[in-house]
Amino acid sequence: MQFRFHYFQYAVKVVVGKSEGEVVAPGDYWTAINVHNPTYTTVAFRKKVAIALPSEQPGPVTPFFDAKLGPDEAFEIDRRDIFRHVGDDRFLKGFVVIESPVELDVVAVYTAAGREGFVETFHTERVAPRQLEMGLPDLVPVPDASGSFCKRDQEGLIVTVKNQGSAGAGASTTRVDFGAHGSFDKPTPSLAPGASVDLQFPIPPGCFDPDCEFRIIVDVNNVVVEADEGNNFASGTCIG
């Protein structure tokens, strides 16, 4: 089963810094990107900077930076922010890329000053989004061929965690809860789509009274955004 969701992407042109006239006219250039959340809930989104170099050369691309805005809040990504993210305060051209699960208001303000230092050009542009589709991971505990989660060896209980989604899942934590007998957490590595991993858990002393009941919880700390958060649990019994 393929799990996918839609999101909105904005590619905002940026021109920042002092130009000596090699690529654009001599002057000092500013770009200020205003982002507004028009919804009634807090929106988490992300942004990155992609630099374009002259002579048809691709430039560096920064990692994504997380951001969020509360209901009706707005902020600005200005020239200093772009320099800081890129780590370079020379003349730069490229794009700020914003990705959001909901549609935002994104308006770019462009100004430029000539040799006298006064503003000579002023322009605003509302940036329209493109709608893209992205896959999501989906972590689940997997039973054996008979449907039982009591998979054991001499070391204890074996828990199989599978990513049945359509995108990779980052590292997470799997927990086995033995009720009054305690619980154990195990780090779970990143899993590509369709991949699985076997994790070994000890069975606590006294659990067999006469049977040993337990509950498996994958991604117990909810660090992985999944297509289905409701299938992270499974209950099992090992017969004593």
Protein backbone atom coordinates (compact mmCIF):
# COMPACT_ATOMS: atom_id res chain seq x y z
CA MET A 1 0.00 0.00 0.00
CA GLN A 2 1.39 3.42 -0.96
CA PHE A 3 0.90 6.31 1.49
CA ARG A 4 1.29 9.81 0.12
CA PHE A 5 0.30 13.34 1.07
CA HIS A 6 0.26 16.69 -0.69
CA TYR A 7 2.21 19.75 0.37
CA PHE A 8 2.88 23.24 -0.96
CA GLN A 9 6.26 24.45 -2.19
CA TYR A 10 7.28 28.06 -2.81
CA ALA A 11 10.44 28.95 -4.77
CA VAL A 12 11.18 32.61 -4.03
CA LYS A 13 13.83 34.38 -6.11
CA VAL A 14 16.48 36.19 -4.03
CA VAL A 15 19.09 38.77 -5.05
CA VAL A 16 21.17 40.03 -2.11
CA GLY A 17 24.46 41.83 -1.52
CA LYS A 18 26.65 44.38 -3.25
CA SER A 19 27.29 43.86 -6.95
CA GLU A 20 30.28 45.32 -8.76
CA GLY A 21 28.49 44.93 -12.07
CA GLU A 22 29.80 41.56 -13.26
CA VAL A 23 26.38 39.88 -13.37
CA VAL A 24 23.79 42.57 -12.60
CA ALA A 25 24.07 46.36 -12.56
CA PRO A 26 26.39 47.83 -9.92
CA GLY A 27 24.52 48.48 -6.69
CA ASP A 28 23.36 47.09 -3.36
CA TYR A 29 20.50 44.57 -3.49
CA TRP A 30 18.04 43.43 -0.83
CA THR A 31 15.35 40.73 -0.77
CA ALA A 32 12.85 40.44 2.10
CA ILE A 33 10.45 37.48 2.08
CA ASN A 34 7.31 37.91 4.18
CA VAL A 35 5.54 34.70 5.24
CA HIS A 36 2.05 34.77 6.78
CA ASN A 37 0.00 31.93 8.27
CA PRO A 38 -3.62 32.63 7.26
CA THR A 39 -5.05 29.67 9.19
CA TYR A 40 -6.46 29.41 12.72
CA THR A 41 -3.91 26.81 13.85
CA THR A 42 -0.13 26.74 14.29
CA VAL A 43 1.65 25.62 11.10
CA ALA A 44 5.07 23.94 11.09
CA PHE A 45 7.01 24.21 7.83
CA ARG A 46 10.60 24.29 6.58
CA LYS A 47 12.86 26.45 4.42
CA LYS A 48 16.22 26.19 2.64
CA VAL A 49 18.41 28.30 0.37
CA ALA A 50 19.60 27.21 -3.10
CA ILE A 51 22.33 29.41 -4.61
CA ALA A 52 22.66 29.88 -8.39
CA LEU A 53 26.13 30.59 -9.80
CA PRO A 54 26.99 32.37 -13.06
CA SER A 55 27.96 30.54 -16.27
CA GLU A 56 25.21 27.94 -15.78
CA GLN A 57 26.90 26.47 -12.70
CA PRO A 58 24.84 25.01 -9.82
CA GLY A 59 25.60 26.47 -6.42
CA PRO A 60 25.38 25.12 -2.86
CA VAL A 61 22.07 24.09 -1.31
CA THR A 62 21.61 24.42 2.45
CA PRO A 63 19.84 21.85 4.61
CA PHE A 64 16.23 22.54 5.52
CA PHE A 65 15.60 24.72 8.56
CA ASP A 66 12.45 24.16 10.62
CA ALA A 67 10.06 27.04 11.26
CA LYS A 68 6.53 27.57 12.57
CA LEU A 69 3.94 30.31 12.78
CA GLY A 70 0.93 30.58 15.07
CA PRO A 71 -2.55 31.59 13.86
CA ASP A 72 -2.36 34.78 11.76
CA GLU A 73 1.33 35.27 12.62
CA ALA A 74 3.92 36.44 10.09
CA PHE A 75 7.70 36.71 9.89
CA GLU A 76 10.34 37.87 7.45
CA ILE A 77 13.33 36.14 5.87
CA ASP A 78 15.70 39.00 5.04
CA ARG A 79 19.15 39.50 3.58
CA ARG A 80 20.93 38.84 6.88
CA ASP A 81 19.04 35.54 7.30
CA ILE A 82 20.07 34.40 3.81
CA PHE A 83 23.73 35.31 4.44
CA ARG A 84 23.61 33.48 7.79
CA HIS A 85 22.10 30.28 6.35
CA VAL A 86 24.55 30.20 3.44
CA GLY A 87 27.56 31.30 5.48
CA ASP A 88 28.57 33.87 2.86
CA ASP A 89 27.86 37.63 2.78
CA ARG A 90 29.07 38.29 -0.76
CA PHE A 91 26.69 39.04 -3.64
CA LEU A 92 24.31 36.08 -3.97
CA LYS A 93 21.48 35.05 -6.26
CA GLY A 94 19.25 32.00 -6.03
CA PHE A 95 16.08 30.84 -4.32
CA VAL A 96 14.60 30.44 -0.86
CA VAL A 97 12.48 27.28 -0.97
CA ILE A 98 9.60 26.99 1.51
CA GLU A 99 7.64 23.75 1.99
CA SER A 100 4.42 23.68 4.02
CA PRO A 101 1.55 21.21 4.61
CA VAL A 102 -0.93 24.09 4.13
CA GLU A 103 -1.04 27.08 1.81
CA LEU A 104 0.70 30.20 3.14
CA ASP A 105 0.90 33.85 2.06
CA VAL A 106 4.39 34.45 0.66
CA VAL A 107 5.33 37.91 -0.62
CA ALA A 108 8.83 38.97 -1.71
CA VAL A 109 9.97 42.60 -1.48
CA TYR A 110 12.92 43.64 -3.68
CA THR A 111 14.88 46.88 -3.30
CA ALA A 112 18.14 48.08 -4.84
CA ALA A 113 20.35 51.11 -4.20
CA GLY A 114 22.76 52.69 -6.67
CA ARG A 115 26.17 54.18 -6.06
CA GLU A 116 24.69 57.03 -3.97
CA GLY A 117 23.23 54.55 -1.50
CA PHE A 118 19.59 55.55 -1.98
CA VAL A 119 16.78 53.20 -3.02
CA GLU A 120 16.35 53.34 -6.78
CA THR A 121 14.11 50.32 -7.38
CA PHE A 122 11.26 48.82 -5.36
CA HIS A 123 9.16 45.80 -6.32
CA THR A 124 6.84 43.34 -4.54
CA GLU A 125 5.79 39.94 -5.81
CA ARG A 126 3.28 37.47 -4.39
CA VAL A 127 4.71 33.97 -4.88
CA ALA A 128 2.28 31.24 -5.94
CA PRO A 129 2.81 27.71 -4.62
CA ARG A 130 3.17 24.50 -6.55
CA GLN A 131 1.44 21.46 -5.10
CA LEU A 132 3.63 18.39 -4.76
CA GLU A 133 3.15 14.85 -3.54
CA MET A 134 5.38 13.15 -1.00
CA GLY A 135 5.49 9.64 0.37
CA LEU A 136 5.39 8.84 4.08
CA PRO A 137 6.87 6.00 6.13
CA ASP A 138 4.68 3.64 8.14
CA LEU A 139 6.28 1.63 10.96
CA VAL A 140 4.49 -1.51 12.18
CA PRO A 141 5.30 -4.53 14.38
CA VAL A 142 5.22 -7.73 12.31
CA PRO A 143 3.98 -11.13 13.60
CA ASP A 144 5.29 -14.52 12.52
CA ALA A 145 3.68 -16.63 9.80
CA SER A 146 1.00 -17.86 12.22
CA GLY A 147 0.08 -14.32 13.29
CA SER A 148 1.75 -14.57 16.71
CA PHE A 149 3.98 -11.85 18.17
CA CYS A 150 5.63 -14.36 20.54
CA LYS A 151 8.82 -14.94 18.57
CA ARG A 152 11.47 -16.24 20.96
CA ASP A 153 15.00 -17.59 21.07
CA GLN A 154 17.42 -18.32 23.90
CA GLU A 155 18.06 -14.60 24.43
CA GLY A 156 14.41 -13.58 24.82
CA LEU A 157 11.72 -11.98 22.67
CA ILE A 158 12.34 -11.01 19.04
CA VAL A 159 10.35 -8.03 17.75
CA THR A 160 10.29 -7.35 14.00
CA VAL A 161 9.70 -3.73 12.98
CA LYS A 162 8.88 -3.03 9.34
CA ASN A 163 8.51 0.18 7.34
CA GLN A 164 5.57 -0.59 5.07
CA GLY A 165 5.31 3.00 3.84
CA SER A 166 6.51 4.64 0.63
CA ALA A 167 9.31 6.77 2.14
CA GLY A 168 12.26 6.12 4.42
CA ALA A 169 11.79 6.26 8.19
CA GLY A 170 14.41 7.88 10.40
CA ALA A 171 15.80 6.32 13.55
CA SER A 172 13.25 5.71 16.31
CA THR A 173 12.67 3.73 19.51
CA THR A 174 10.68 0.52 20.01
CA ARG A 175 9.26 -0.43 23.41
CA VAL A 176 8.00 -3.72 24.78
CA ASP A 177 5.81 -3.25 27.85
CA PHE A 178 5.45 -6.29 30.11
CA GLY A 179 2.96 -4.57 32.43
CA ALA A 180 3.78 -4.93 36.13
CA HIS A 181 7.02 -6.70 35.19
CA GLY A 182 8.50 -3.58 33.55
CA SER A 183 9.26 -2.34 30.04
CA PHE A 184 12.31 -2.18 27.77
CA ASP A 185 13.25 0.28 25.02
CA LYS A 186 15.51 -0.49 22.07
CA PRO A 187 16.88 1.94 19.45
CA THR A 188 15.52 1.19 16.00
CA PRO A 189 17.67 2.14 12.99
CA SER A 190 16.51 4.05 9.92
CA LEU A 191 14.48 1.86 7.59
CA ALA A 192 14.06 2.22 3.84
CA PRO A 193 10.61 1.56 2.34
CA GLY A 194 9.85 -2.15 2.69
CA ALA A 195 12.80 -2.81 5.01
CA SER A 196 12.55 -4.46 8.42
CA VAL A 197 14.75 -5.13 11.45
CA ASP A 198 14.70 -7.72 14.26
CA LEU A 199 15.18 -6.36 17.78
CA GLN A 200 16.03 -8.52 20.80
CA PHE A 201 14.27 -7.87 24.13
CA PRO A 202 14.82 -9.68 27.44
CA ILE A 203 11.81 -11.31 29.07
CA PRO A 204 11.69 -10.14 32.70
CA PRO A 205 11.75 -12.70 35.54
CA GLY A 206 8.32 -13.61 36.82
CA CYS A 207 6.52 -12.69 33.61
CA PHE A 208 5.28 -16.26 33.12
CA ASP A 209 2.41 -16.52 35.61
CA PRO A 210 1.63 -18.90 33.90
CA ASP A 211 1.64 -16.95 30.58
CA CYS A 212 3.64 -13.83 29.70
CA GLU A 213 1.63 -10.97 28.19
CA PHE A 214 3.21 -7.93 26.55
CA ARG A 215 2.51 -4.94 24.33
CA ILE A 216 4.76 -3.72 21.49
CA ILE A 217 4.93 -0.01 20.66
CA VAL A 218 7.00 1.10 17.66
CA ASP A 219 8.18 4.74 17.45
CA VAL A 220 7.19 5.13 21.09
CA ASN A 221 8.44 8.74 21.20
CA ASN A 222 6.54 9.77 18.04
CA VAL A 223 9.63 11.14 16.28
CA VAL A 224 8.68 9.74 12.84
CA VAL A 225 5.85 11.38 10.90
CA GLU A 226 3.91 8.42 9.56
CA ALA A 227 1.08 7.73 7.16
CA ASP A 228 -0.78 5.86 9.91
CA GLU A 229 -0.01 6.47 13.58
CA GLY A 230 -2.72 4.04 14.69
CA ASN A 231 -0.95 0.81 13.71
CA ASN A 232 2.14 1.24 15.90
CA PHE A 233 0.82 -1.12 18.58
CA ALA A 234 0.46 -4.87 18.95
CA SER A 235 -0.34 -7.15 21.88
CA GLY A 236 1.08 -10.62 22.32
CA THR A 237 1.16 -13.59 24.71
CA CYS A 238 3.84 -16.19 25.19
CA ILE A 239 2.36 -19.39 26.62
CA GLY A 240 4.13 -20.62 29.77
